[in-house]
Amino acid sequence: MPAVLAVFNWPKTSDRYRRVSRFVEAYFTKFDQLQQPPFQPKWREINLAGKVPGWTRYRVAEELLAKMTADPQVKVHFDAFLDTRAGARGHGTLPNSEREALFKQFLEWQKSADW
């Protein structure tokens, strides 16, 4: 069953906006840790870039997602993703052009995934 973490859109000058923003920043910053043992394996199924039709993403979360996709560290995560999917073949055997095409598809999928 899909789940969504939703927040009220507080005015940017309010204390509650600041508190929600701090929570979102901490959540995104530590999200990789939640996907590692000893935490529940279900954390690995969460798509931070998933979209809910008709809903607007919280501004701070949108900015953090944009920053993550522009960050070179995303490529490191993509390489790890390829390692888990490629099995014995490994991602090193893929031609660079194919890796780049897959990476672009990966980023597009992250942006457009409906969860």
PDB file of N, CA and C in Angstrom:
ATOM      1  N   MET A   1       0.831  -1.166   0.000  1.00  0.00           N
ATOM      2  CA  MET A   1       0.000   0.000   0.000  1.00  0.00           C
ATOM      3  C   MET A   1       0.887   1.244   0.000  1.00  0.00           C
ATOM      4  N   PRO A   2       0.716   2.123  -0.976  1.00  0.00           N
ATOM      5  CA  PRO A   2       1.507   3.351  -1.024  1.00  0.00           C
ATOM      6  C   PRO A   2       1.187   4.277   0.151  1.00  0.00           C
ATOM      7  N   ALA A   3       2.172   5.043   0.544  1.00  0.00           N
ATOM      8  CA  ALA A   3       2.007   6.021   1.617  1.00  0.00           C
ATOM      9  C   ALA A   3       2.655   7.335   1.194  1.00  0.00           C
ATOM     10  N   VAL A   4       2.159   8.424   1.763  1.00  0.00           N
ATOM     11  CA  VAL A   4       2.663   9.756   1.447  1.00  0.00           C
ATOM     12  C   VAL A   4       2.906  10.498   2.756  1.00  0.00           C
ATOM     13  N   LEU A   5       4.015  11.224   2.835  1.00  0.00           N
ATOM     14  CA  LEU A   5       4.274  12.106   3.957  1.00  0.00           C
ATOM     15  C   LEU A   5       3.866  13.501   3.503  1.00  0.00           C
ATOM     16  N   ALA A   6       2.805  14.033   4.085  1.00  0.00           N
ATOM     17  CA  ALA A   6       2.273  15.329   3.669  1.00  0.00           C
ATOM     18  C   ALA A   6       2.367  16.333   4.820  1.00  0.00           C
ATOM     19  N   VAL A   7       2.556  17.602   4.460  1.00  0.00           N
ATOM     20  CA  VAL A   7       2.617  18.672   5.462  1.00  0.00           C
ATOM     21  C   VAL A   7       1.757  19.840   4.991  1.00  0.00           C
ATOM     22  N   PHE A   8       1.339  20.644   5.942  1.00  0.00           N
ATOM     23  CA  PHE A   8       0.595  21.857   5.627  1.00  0.00           C
ATOM     24  C   PHE A   8       1.558  22.884   5.040  1.00  0.00           C
ATOM     25  N   ASN A   9       1.090  23.675   4.101  1.00  0.00           N
ATOM     26  CA  ASN A   9       1.923  24.686   3.456  1.00  0.00           C
ATOM     27  C   ASN A   9       1.891  25.979   4.285  1.00  0.00           C
ATOM     28  N   TRP A  10       2.714  26.006   5.326  1.00  0.00           N
ATOM     29  CA  TRP A  10       2.765  27.155   6.216  1.00  0.00           C
ATOM     30  C   TRP A  10       3.377  28.360   5.501  1.00  0.00           C
ATOM     31  N   PRO A  11       3.050  29.577   5.942  1.00  0.00           N
ATOM     32  CA  PRO A  11       3.714  30.767   5.374  1.00  0.00           C
ATOM     33  C   PRO A  11       5.227  30.698   5.632  1.00  0.00           C
ATOM     34  N   LYS A  12       6.002  31.156   4.675  1.00  0.00           N
ATOM     35  CA  LYS A  12       7.466  31.052   4.759  1.00  0.00           C
ATOM     36  C   LYS A  12       8.057  31.785   5.961  1.00  0.00           C
ATOM     37  N   THR A  13       7.360  32.758   6.480  1.00  0.00           N
ATOM     38  CA  THR A  13       7.877  33.530   7.612  1.00  0.00           C
ATOM     39  C   THR A  13       7.511  32.922   8.964  1.00  0.00           C
ATOM     40  N   SER A  14       6.748  31.845   8.972  1.00  0.00           N
ATOM     41  CA  SER A  14       6.279  31.276  10.247  1.00  0.00           C
ATOM     42  C   SER A  14       7.304  30.325  10.858  1.00  0.00           C
ATOM     43  N   ASP A  15       7.194  30.167  12.168  1.00  0.00           N
ATOM     44  CA  ASP A  15       8.053  29.243  12.894  1.00  0.00           C
ATOM     45  C   ASP A  15       7.772  27.807  12.462  1.00  0.00           C
ATOM     46  N   ARG A  16       6.531  27.476  12.184  1.00  0.00           N
ATOM     47  CA  ARG A  16       6.187  26.112  11.766  1.00  0.00           C
ATOM     48  C   ARG A  16       6.803  25.773  10.409  1.00  0.00           C
ATOM     49  N   TYR A  17       6.866  26.727   9.509  1.00  0.00           N
ATOM     50  CA  TYR A  17       7.528  26.508   8.222  1.00  0.00           C
ATOM     51  C   TYR A  17       8.998  26.172   8.464  1.00  0.00           C
ATOM     52  N   ARG A  18       9.628  26.930   9.339  1.00  0.00           N
ATOM     53  CA  ARG A  18      11.038  26.701   9.650  1.00  0.00           C
ATOM     54  C   ARG A  18      11.236  25.307  10.244  1.00  0.00           C
ATOM     55  N   ARG A  19      10.340  24.888  11.125  1.00  0.00           N
ATOM     56  CA  ARG A  19      10.452  23.567  11.756  1.00  0.00           C
ATOM     57  C   ARG A  19      10.269  22.437  10.738  1.00  0.00           C
ATOM     58  N   VAL A  20       9.282  22.573   9.876  1.00  0.00           N
ATOM     59  CA  VAL A  20       9.053  21.546   8.847  1.00  0.00           C
ATOM     60  C   VAL A  20      10.254  21.505   7.899  1.00  0.00           C
ATOM     61  N   SER A  21      10.781  22.659   7.559  1.00  0.00           N
ATOM     62  CA  SER A  21      11.955  22.714   6.681  1.00  0.00           C
ATOM     63  C   SER A  21      13.145  22.008   7.303  1.00  0.00           C
ATOM     64  N   ARG A  22      13.362  22.210   8.593  1.00  0.00           N
ATOM     65  CA  ARG A  22      14.466  21.530   9.280  1.00  0.00           C
ATOM     66  C   ARG A  22      14.270  20.022   9.275  1.00  0.00           C
ATOM     67  N   PHE A  23      13.022  19.582   9.489  1.00  0.00           N
ATOM     68  CA  PHE A  23      12.739  18.147   9.453  1.00  0.00           C
ATOM     69  C   PHE A  23      13.031  17.581   8.059  1.00  0.00           C
ATOM     70  N   VAL A  24      12.560  18.257   7.022  1.00  0.00           N
ATOM     71  CA  VAL A  24      12.755  17.774   5.645  1.00  0.00           C
ATOM     72  C   VAL A  24      14.246  17.707   5.321  1.00  0.00           C
ATOM     73  N   GLU A  25      14.990  18.724   5.708  1.00  0.00           N
ATOM     74  CA  GLU A  25      16.433  18.726   5.453  1.00  0.00           C
ATOM     75  C   GLU A  25      17.122  17.573   6.176  1.00  0.00           C
ATOM     76  N   ALA A  26      16.761  17.331   7.430  1.00  0.00           N
ATOM     77  CA  ALA A  26      17.353  16.227   8.182  1.00  0.00           C
ATOM     78  C   ALA A  26      16.961  14.882   7.568  1.00  0.00           C
ATOM     79  N   TYR A  27      15.715  14.750   7.169  1.00  0.00           N
ATOM     80  CA  TYR A  27      15.218  13.512   6.564  1.00  0.00           C
ATOM     81  C   TYR A  27      15.974  13.197   5.280  1.00  0.00           C
ATOM     82  N   PHE A  28      16.124  14.187   4.407  1.00  0.00           N
ATOM     83  CA  PHE A  28      16.828  13.978   3.143  1.00  0.00           C
ATOM     84  C   PHE A  28      18.312  13.707   3.381  1.00  0.00           C
ATOM     85  N   THR A  29      18.904  14.401   4.335  1.00  0.00           N
ATOM     86  CA  THR A  29      20.328  14.242   4.619  1.00  0.00           C
ATOM     87  C   THR A  29      20.640  12.848   5.152  1.00  0.00           C
ATOM     88  N   LYS A  30      19.764  12.325   5.993  1.00  0.00           N
ATOM     89  CA  LYS A  30      20.022  11.032   6.631  1.00  0.00           C
ATOM     90  C   LYS A  30      19.308   9.873   5.942  1.00  0.00           C
ATOM     91  N   PHE A  31      18.670  10.127   4.822  1.00  0.00           N
ATOM     92  CA  PHE A  31      17.882   9.097   4.151  1.00  0.00           C
ATOM     93  C   PHE A  31      18.728   7.881   3.769  1.00  0.00           C
ATOM     94  N   ASP A  32      19.954   8.103   3.306  1.00  0.00           N
ATOM     95  CA  ASP A  32      20.838   6.981   2.944  1.00  0.00           C
ATOM     96  C   ASP A  32      21.086   6.066   4.137  1.00  0.00           C
ATOM     97  N   GLN A  33      21.201   6.646   5.322  1.00  0.00           N
ATOM     98  CA  GLN A  33      21.428   5.844   6.529  1.00  0.00           C
ATOM     99  C   GLN A  33      20.227   4.957   6.837  1.00  0.00           C
ATOM    100  N   LEU A  34      19.034   5.469   6.588  1.00  0.00           N
ATOM    101  CA  LEU A  34      17.817   4.699   6.857  1.00  0.00           C
ATOM    102  C   LEU A  34      17.697   3.484   5.941  1.00  0.00           C
ATOM    103  N   GLN A  35      18.370   3.513   4.809  1.00  0.00           N
ATOM    104  CA  GLN A  35      18.297   2.415   3.854  1.00  0.00           C
ATOM    105  C   GLN A  35      19.315   1.313   4.136  1.00  0.00           C
ATOM    106  N   GLN A  36      20.138   1.500   5.160  1.00  0.00           N
ATOM    107  CA  GLN A  36      21.162   0.524   5.513  1.00  0.00           C
ATOM    108  C   GLN A  36      20.743  -0.248   6.768  1.00  0.00           C
ATOM    109  N   PRO A  37      21.283  -1.476   6.945  1.00  0.00           N
ATOM    110  CA  PRO A  37      21.011  -2.211   8.184  1.00  0.00           C
ATOM    111  C   PRO A  37      21.491  -1.388   9.377  1.00  0.00           C
ATOM    112  N   PRO A  38      20.857  -1.439  10.475  1.00  0.00           N
ATOM    113  CA  PRO A  38      19.838  -2.364  10.944  1.00  0.00           C
ATOM    114  C   PRO A  38      18.409  -1.888  10.693  1.00  0.00           C
ATOM    115  N   PHE A  39      18.226  -0.863   9.864  1.00  0.00           N
ATOM    116  CA  PHE A  39      16.887  -0.336   9.636  1.00  0.00           C
ATOM    117  C   PHE A  39      16.069  -1.258   8.724  1.00  0.00           C
ATOM    118  N   GLN A  40      14.768  -1.118   8.799  1.00  0.00           N
ATOM    119  CA  GLN A  40      13.807  -1.924   8.045  1.00  0.00           C
ATOM    120  C   GLN A  40      14.144  -1.888   6.547  1.00  0.00           C
ATOM    121  N   PRO A  41      14.224  -3.044   5.881  1.00  0.00           N
ATOM    122  CA  PRO A  41      14.520  -3.091   4.439  1.00  0.00           C
ATOM    123  C   PRO A  41      13.503  -2.333   3.582  1.00  0.00           C
ATOM    124  N   LYS A  42      12.310  -2.102   4.072  1.00  0.00           N
ATOM    125  CA  LYS A  42      11.297  -1.358   3.309  1.00  0.00           C
ATOM    126  C   LYS A  42      11.748   0.067   2.993  1.00  0.00           C
ATOM    127  N   TRP A  43      12.698   0.618   3.772  1.00  0.00           N
ATOM    128  CA  TRP A  43      13.211   1.960   3.499  1.00  0.00           C
ATOM    129  C   TRP A  43      13.825   2.035   2.102  1.00  0.00           C
ATOM    130  N   ARG A  44      14.335   0.899   1.598  1.00  0.00           N
ATOM    131  CA  ARG A  44      14.977   0.888   0.278  1.00  0.00           C
ATOM    132  C   ARG A  44      13.969   1.039  -0.853  1.00  0.00           C
ATOM    133  N   GLU A  45      12.696   0.851  -0.564  1.00  0.00           N
ATOM    134  CA  GLU A  45      11.650   0.944  -1.589  1.00  0.00           C
ATOM    135  C   GLU A  45      11.103   2.361  -1.759  1.00  0.00           C
ATOM    136  N   ILE A  46      11.510   3.264  -0.890  1.00  0.00           N
ATOM    137  CA  ILE A  46      10.971   4.625  -0.929  1.00  0.00           C
ATOM    138  C   ILE A  46      11.603   5.417  -2.069  1.00  0.00           C
ATOM    139  N   ASN A  47      10.767   6.112  -2.809  1.00  0.00           N
ATOM    140  CA  ASN A  47      11.218   6.964  -3.900  1.00  0.00           C
ATOM    141  C   ASN A  47      10.975   8.412  -3.494  1.00  0.00           C
ATOM    142  N   LEU A  48      12.035   9.111  -3.103  1.00  0.00           N
ATOM    143  CA  LEU A  48      11.895  10.510  -2.689  1.00  0.00           C
ATOM    144  C   LEU A  48      11.428  11.399  -3.832  1.00  0.00           C
ATOM    145  N   ALA A  49      11.707  11.001  -5.054  1.00  0.00           N
ATOM    146  CA  ALA A  49      11.327  11.815  -6.211  1.00  0.00           C
ATOM    147  C   ALA A  49       9.942  11.462  -6.738  1.00  0.00           C
ATOM    148  N   GLY A  50       9.251  10.518  -6.106  1.00  0.00           N
ATOM    149  CA  GLY A  50       7.913  10.127  -6.554  1.00  0.00           C
ATOM    150  C   GLY A  50       6.949  11.302  -6.512  1.00  0.00           C
ATOM    151  N   LYS A  51       5.964  11.260  -7.383  1.00  0.00           N
ATOM    152  CA  LYS A  51       4.983  12.349  -7.463  1.00  0.00           C
ATOM    153  C   LYS A  51       3.584  11.816  -7.196  1.00  0.00           C
ATOM    154  N   VAL A  52       2.759  12.670  -6.620  1.00  0.00           N
ATOM    155  CA  VAL A  52       1.348  12.358  -6.404  1.00  0.00           C
ATOM    156  C   VAL A  52       0.566  13.306  -7.308  1.00  0.00           C
ATOM    157  N   PRO A  53      -0.187  12.759  -8.262  1.00  0.00           N
ATOM    158  CA  PRO A  53      -0.940  13.620  -9.182  1.00  0.00           C
ATOM    159  C   PRO A  53      -1.840  14.616  -8.438  1.00  0.00           C
ATOM    160  N   GLY A  54      -1.738  15.875  -8.841  1.00  0.00           N
ATOM    161  CA  GLY A  54      -2.564  16.925  -8.246  1.00  0.00           C
ATOM    162  C   GLY A  54      -1.991  17.547  -6.984  1.00  0.00           C
ATOM    163  N   TRP A  55      -0.871  17.050  -6.494  1.00  0.00           N
ATOM    164  CA  TRP A  55      -0.252  17.586  -5.291  1.00  0.00           C
ATOM    165  C   TRP A  55       1.019  18.342  -5.660  1.00  0.00           C
ATOM    166  N   THR A  56       1.362  19.325  -4.849  1.00  0.00           N
ATOM    167  CA  THR A  56       2.580  20.105  -5.038  1.00  0.00           C
ATOM    168  C   THR A  56       3.579  19.703  -3.961  1.00  0.00           C
ATOM    169  N   ARG A  57       4.796  19.439  -4.370  1.00  0.00           N
ATOM    170  CA  ARG A  57       5.838  19.061  -3.413  1.00  0.00           C
ATOM    171  C   ARG A  57       6.226  20.278  -2.583  1.00  0.00           C
ATOM    172  N   TYR A  58       6.525  20.044  -1.316  1.00  0.00           N
ATOM    173  CA  TYR A  58       6.992  21.092  -0.405  1.00  0.00           C
ATOM    174  C   TYR A  58       8.233  21.736  -1.013  1.00  0.00           C
ATOM    175  N   ARG A  59       8.301  23.047  -0.976  1.00  0.00           N
ATOM    176  CA  ARG A  59       9.354  23.787  -1.672  1.00  0.00           C
ATOM    177  C   ARG A  59      10.755  23.336  -1.259  1.00  0.00           C
ATOM    178  N   VAL A  60      10.992  23.157   0.016  1.00  0.00           N
ATOM    179  CA  VAL A  60      12.316  22.745   0.496  1.00  0.00           C
ATOM    180  C   VAL A  60      12.669  21.360  -0.051  1.00  0.00           C
ATOM    181  N   ALA A  61      11.710  20.450  -0.074  1.00  0.00           N
ATOM    182  CA  ALA A  61      11.955  19.107  -0.612  1.00  0.00           C
ATOM    183  C   ALA A  61      12.266  19.181  -2.108  1.00  0.00           C
ATOM    184  N   GLU A  62      11.552  20.014  -2.830  1.00  0.00           N
ATOM    185  CA  GLU A  62      11.793  20.174  -4.265  1.00  0.00           C
ATOM    186  C   GLU A  62      13.209  20.689  -4.519  1.00  0.00           C
ATOM    187  N   GLU A  63      13.639  21.656  -3.725  1.00  0.00           N
ATOM    188  CA  GLU A  63      14.989  22.206  -3.876  1.00  0.00           C
ATOM    189  C   GLU A  63      16.053  21.153  -3.564  1.00  0.00           C
ATOM    190  N   LEU A  64      15.818  20.362  -2.517  1.00  0.00           N
ATOM    191  CA  LEU A  64      16.780  19.324  -2.158  1.00  0.00           C
ATOM    192  C   LEU A  64      16.857  18.242  -3.229  1.00  0.00           C
ATOM    193  N   LEU A  65      15.734  17.886  -3.807  1.00  0.00           N
ATOM    194  CA  LEU A  65      15.740  16.900  -4.897  1.00  0.00           C
ATOM    195  C   LEU A  65      16.510  17.417  -6.105  1.00  0.00           C
ATOM    196  N   ALA A  66      16.295  18.685  -6.442  1.00  0.00           N
ATOM    197  CA  ALA A  66      17.023  19.277  -7.571  1.00  0.00           C
ATOM    198  C   ALA A  66      18.526  19.266  -7.303  1.00  0.00           C
ATOM    199  N   LYS A  67      18.889  19.564  -6.082  1.00  0.00           N
ATOM    200  CA  LYS A  67      20.294  19.571  -5.701  1.00  0.00           C
ATOM    201  C   LYS A  67      20.880  18.158  -5.773  1.00  0.00           C
ATOM    202  N   MET A  68      20.101  17.164  -5.340  1.00  0.00           N
ATOM    203  CA  MET A  68      20.577  15.781  -5.367  1.00  0.00           C
ATOM    204  C   MET A  68      20.822  15.299  -6.790  1.00  0.00           C
ATOM    205  N   THR A  69      19.957  15.658  -7.720  1.00  0.00           N
ATOM    206  CA  THR A  69      20.130  15.188  -9.091  1.00  0.00           C
ATOM    207  C   THR A  69      21.270  15.921  -9.790  1.00  0.00           C
ATOM    208  N   ALA A  70      21.602  17.127  -9.316  1.00  0.00           N
ATOM    209  CA  ALA A  70      22.722  17.862  -9.891  1.00  0.00           C
ATOM    210  C   ALA A  70      24.040  17.449  -9.240  1.00  0.00           C
ATOM    211  N   ASP A  71      23.959  16.787  -8.098  1.00  0.00           N
ATOM    212  CA  ASP A  71      25.125  16.389  -7.316  1.00  0.00           C
ATOM    213  C   ASP A  71      25.834  15.199  -7.971  1.00  0.00           C
ATOM    214  N   PRO A  72      27.158  15.235  -8.090  1.00  0.00           N
ATOM    215  CA  PRO A  72      27.877  14.100  -8.669  1.00  0.00           C
ATOM    216  C   PRO A  72      27.721  12.817  -7.835  1.00  0.00           C
ATOM    217  N   GLN A  73      27.365  12.958  -6.565  1.00  0.00           N
ATOM    218  CA  GLN A  73      27.160  11.791  -5.708  1.00  0.00           C
ATOM    219  C   GLN A  73      26.032  10.920  -6.238  1.00  0.00           C
ATOM    220  N   VAL A  74      25.091  11.514  -6.983  1.00  0.00           N
ATOM    221  CA  VAL A  74      23.992  10.744  -7.568  1.00  0.00           C
ATOM    222  C   VAL A  74      24.555   9.692  -8.513  1.00  0.00           C
ATOM    223  N   LYS A  75      25.610  10.033  -9.237  1.00  0.00           N
ATOM    224  CA  LYS A  75      26.228   9.051 -10.139  1.00  0.00           C
ATOM    225  C   LYS A  75      26.795   7.884  -9.356  1.00  0.00           C
ATOM    226  N   VAL A  76      27.314   8.139  -8.161  1.00  0.00           N
ATOM    227  CA  VAL A  76      27.829   7.056  -7.325  1.00  0.00           C
ATOM    228  C   VAL A  76      26.682   6.113  -6.961  1.00  0.00           C
ATOM    229  N   HIS A  77      25.532   6.691  -6.599  1.00  0.00           N
ATOM    230  CA  HIS A  77      24.367   5.879  -6.276  1.00  0.00           C
ATOM    231  C   HIS A  77      23.887   5.113  -7.510  1.00  0.00           C
ATOM    232  N   PHE A  78      23.959   5.751  -8.656  1.00  0.00           N
ATOM    233  CA  PHE A  78      23.558   5.090  -9.893  1.00  0.00           C
ATOM    234  C   PHE A  78      24.479   3.910 -10.190  1.00  0.00           C
ATOM    235  N   ASP A  79      25.775   4.080  -9.970  1.00  0.00           N
ATOM    236  CA  ASP A  79      26.715   2.973 -10.170  1.00  0.00           C
ATOM    237  C   ASP A  79      26.376   1.804  -9.245  1.00  0.00           C
ATOM    238  N   ALA A  80      26.055   2.124  -7.996  1.00  0.00           N
ATOM    239  CA  ALA A  80      25.669   1.071  -7.055  1.00  0.00           C
ATOM    240  C   ALA A  80      24.383   0.391  -7.518  1.00  0.00           C
ATOM    241  N   PHE A  81      23.457   1.184  -8.047  1.00  0.00           N
ATOM    242  CA  PHE A  81      22.206   0.651  -8.580  1.00  0.00           C
ATOM    243  C   PHE A  81      22.502  -0.308  -9.731  1.00  0.00           C
ATOM    244  N   LEU A  82      23.395   0.076 -10.633  1.00  0.00           N
ATOM    245  CA  LEU A  82      23.762  -0.791 -11.751  1.00  0.00           C
ATOM    246  C   LEU A  82      24.422  -2.077 -11.259  1.00  0.00           C
ATOM    247  N   ASP A  83      25.253  -1.954 -10.227  1.00  0.00           N
ATOM    248  CA  ASP A  83      25.908  -3.148  -9.678  1.00  0.00           C
ATOM    249  C   ASP A  83      24.872  -4.149  -9.174  1.00  0.00           C
ATOM    250  N   THR A  84      23.855  -3.667  -8.490  1.00  0.00           N
ATOM    251  CA  THR A  84      22.844  -4.574  -7.945  1.00  0.00           C
ATOM    252  C   THR A  84      21.992  -5.173  -9.053  1.00  0.00           C
ATOM    253  N   ARG A  85      21.805  -4.460 -10.153  1.00  0.00           N
ATOM    254  CA  ARG A  85      20.956  -4.941 -11.241  1.00  0.00           C
ATOM    255  C   ARG A  85      21.730  -5.797 -12.249  1.00  0.00           C
ATOM    256  N   ALA A  86      23.012  -5.520 -12.430  1.00  0.00           N
ATOM    257  CA  ALA A  86      23.772  -6.196 -13.476  1.00  0.00           C
ATOM    258  C   ALA A  86      24.302  -7.563 -13.044  1.00  0.00           C
ATOM    259  N   GLY A  87      24.361  -7.810 -11.744  1.00  0.00           N
ATOM    260  CA  GLY A  87      24.838  -9.101 -11.261  1.00  0.00           C
ATOM    261  C   GLY A  87      26.290  -9.346 -11.632  1.00  0.00           C
ATOM    262  N   ALA A  88      26.569 -10.513 -12.139  1.00  0.00           N
ATOM    263  CA  ALA A  88      27.952 -10.899 -12.446  1.00  0.00           C
ATOM    264  C   ALA A  88      28.530 -10.072 -13.586  1.00  0.00           C
ATOM    265  N   ARG A  89      27.674  -9.582 -14.482  1.00  0.00           N
ATOM    266  CA  ARG A  89      28.154  -8.828 -15.641  1.00  0.00           C
ATOM    267  C   ARG A  89      28.826  -7.528 -15.220  1.00  0.00           C
ATOM    268  N   GLY A  90      28.284  -6.864 -14.198  1.00  0.00           N
ATOM    269  CA  GLY A  90      28.855  -5.611 -13.707  1.00  0.00           C
ATOM    270  C   GLY A  90      28.596  -4.458 -14.647  1.00  0.00           C
ATOM    271  N   HIS A  91      28.606  -3.234 -14.113  1.00  0.00           N
ATOM    272  CA  HIS A  91      28.337  -2.064 -14.956  1.00  0.00           C
ATOM    273  C   HIS A  91      29.569  -1.626 -15.721  1.00  0.00           C
ATOM    274  N   GLY A  92      30.733  -2.137 -15.341  1.00  0.00           N
ATOM    275  CA  GLY A  92      31.949  -1.754 -16.044  1.00  0.00           C
ATOM    276  C   GLY A  92      31.984  -2.253 -17.475  1.00  0.00           C
ATOM    277  N   THR A  93      31.160  -3.250 -17.805  1.00  0.00           N
ATOM    278  CA  THR A  93      31.167  -3.790 -19.156  1.00  0.00           C
ATOM    279  C   THR A  93      30.255  -3.011 -20.093  1.00  0.00           C
ATOM    280  N   LEU A  94      29.466  -2.102 -19.561  1.00  0.00           N
ATOM    281  CA  LEU A  94      28.585  -1.291 -20.414  1.00  0.00           C
ATOM    282  C   LEU A  94      29.400  -0.206 -21.102  1.00  0.00           C
ATOM    283  N   PRO A  95      29.138   0.029 -22.365  1.00  0.00           N
ATOM    284  CA  PRO A  95      29.801   1.153 -23.040  1.00  0.00           C
ATOM    285  C   PRO A  95      29.384   2.469 -22.382  1.00  0.00           C
ATOM    286  N   ASN A  96      30.277   3.456 -22.386  1.00  0.00           N
ATOM    287  CA  ASN A  96      29.978   4.745 -21.761  1.00  0.00           C
ATOM    288  C   ASN A  96      28.714   5.383 -22.320  1.00  0.00           C
ATOM    289  N   SER A  97      28.500   5.272 -23.618  1.00  0.00           N
ATOM    290  CA  SER A  97      27.307   5.875 -24.210  1.00  0.00           C
ATOM    291  C   SER A  97      26.039   5.233 -23.647  1.00  0.00           C
ATOM    292  N   GLU A  98      26.078   3.899 -23.446  1.00  0.00           N
ATOM    293  CA  GLU A  98      24.917   3.201 -22.890  1.00  0.00           C
ATOM    294  C   GLU A  98      24.710   3.572 -21.422  1.00  0.00           C
ATOM    295  N   ARG A  99      25.829   3.704 -20.666  1.00  0.00           N
ATOM    296  CA  ARG A  99      25.721   4.115 -19.260  1.00  0.00           C
ATOM    297  C   ARG A  99      25.118   5.510 -19.155  1.00  0.00           C
ATOM    298  N   GLU A 100      25.573   6.426 -20.004  1.00  0.00           N
ATOM    299  CA  GLU A 100      25.048   7.796 -19.962  1.00  0.00           C
ATOM    300  C   GLU A 100      23.563   7.819 -20.317  1.00  0.00           C
ATOM    301  N   ALA A 101      23.179   7.044 -21.316  1.00  0.00           N
ATOM    302  CA  ALA A 101      21.764   6.978 -21.707  1.00  0.00           C
ATOM    303  C   ALA A 101      20.922   6.402 -20.569  1.00  0.00           C
ATOM    304  N   LEU A 102      21.425   5.343 -19.927  1.00  0.00           N
ATOM    305  CA  LEU A 102      20.711   4.755 -18.791  1.00  0.00           C
ATOM    306  C   LEU A 102      20.615   5.732 -17.631  1.00  0.00           C
ATOM    307  N   PHE A 103      21.686   6.502 -17.392  1.00  0.00           N
ATOM    308  CA  PHE A 103      21.681   7.475 -16.304  1.00  0.00           C
ATOM    309  C   PHE A 103      20.643   8.568 -16.564  1.00  0.00           C
ATOM    310  N   LYS A 104      20.566   9.029 -17.806  1.00  0.00           N
ATOM    311  CA  LYS A 104      19.555  10.048 -18.145  1.00  0.00           C
ATOM    312  C   LYS A 104      18.153   9.485 -17.952  1.00  0.00           C
ATOM    313  N   GLN A 105      17.956   8.236 -18.347  1.00  0.00           N
ATOM    314  CA  GLN A 105      16.654   7.595 -18.135  1.00  0.00           C
ATOM    315  C   GLN A 105      16.363   7.450 -16.646  1.00  0.00           C
ATOM    316  N   PHE A 106      17.402   7.126 -15.872  1.00  0.00           N
ATOM    317  CA  PHE A 106      17.275   6.989 -14.424  1.00  0.00           C
ATOM    318  C   PHE A 106      16.822   8.310 -13.799  1.00  0.00           C
ATOM    319  N   LEU A 107      17.455   9.423 -14.197  1.00  0.00           N
ATOM    320  CA  LEU A 107      17.073  10.735 -13.665  1.00  0.00           C
ATOM    321  C   LEU A 107      15.652  11.109 -14.069  1.00  0.00           C
ATOM    322  N   GLU A 108      15.287  10.839 -15.316  1.00  0.00           N
ATOM    323  CA  GLU A 108      13.921  11.125 -15.777  1.00  0.00           C
ATOM    324  C   GLU A 108      12.907  10.284 -15.011  1.00  0.00           C
ATOM    325  N   TRP A 109      13.248   9.015 -14.803  1.00  0.00           N
ATOM    326  CA  TRP A 109      12.356   8.133 -14.058  1.00  0.00           C
ATOM    327  C   TRP A 109      12.173   8.660 -12.633  1.00  0.00           C
ATOM    328  N   GLN A 110      13.267   9.118 -12.008  1.00  0.00           N
ATOM    329  CA  GLN A 110      13.171   9.664 -10.657  1.00  0.00           C
ATOM    330  C   GLN A 110      12.222  10.853 -10.610  1.00  0.00           C
ATOM    331  N   LYS A 111      12.288  11.707 -11.632  1.00  0.00           N
ATOM    332  CA  LYS A 111      11.441  12.906 -11.662  1.00  0.00           C
ATOM    333  C   LYS A 111       9.979  12.566 -11.923  1.00  0.00           C
ATOM    334  N   SER A 112       9.733  11.563 -12.767  1.00  0.00           N
ATOM    335  CA  SER A 112       8.359  11.318 -13.211  1.00  0.00           C
ATOM    336  C   SER A 112       7.687  10.129 -12.546  1.00  0.00           C
ATOM    337  N   ALA A 113       8.388   9.439 -11.645  1.00  0.00           N
ATOM    338  CA  ALA A 113       7.791   8.243 -11.022  1.00  0.00           C
ATOM    339  C   ALA A 113       6.567   8.615 -10.200  1.00  0.00           C
ATOM    340  N   ASP A 114       5.463   7.956 -10.455  1.00  0.00           N
ATOM    341  CA  ASP A 114       4.230   8.159  -9.687  1.00  0.00           C
ATOM    342  C   ASP A 114       4.117   7.036  -8.662  1.00  0.00           C
ATOM    343  N   TRP A 115       4.280   7.363  -7.393  1.00  0.00           N
ATOM    344  CA  TRP A 115       4.194   6.356  -6.339  1.00  0.00           C
ATOM    345  C   TRP A 115       3.075   6.675  -5.433  1.00  0.00           C
TER     346      TRP A 115
END
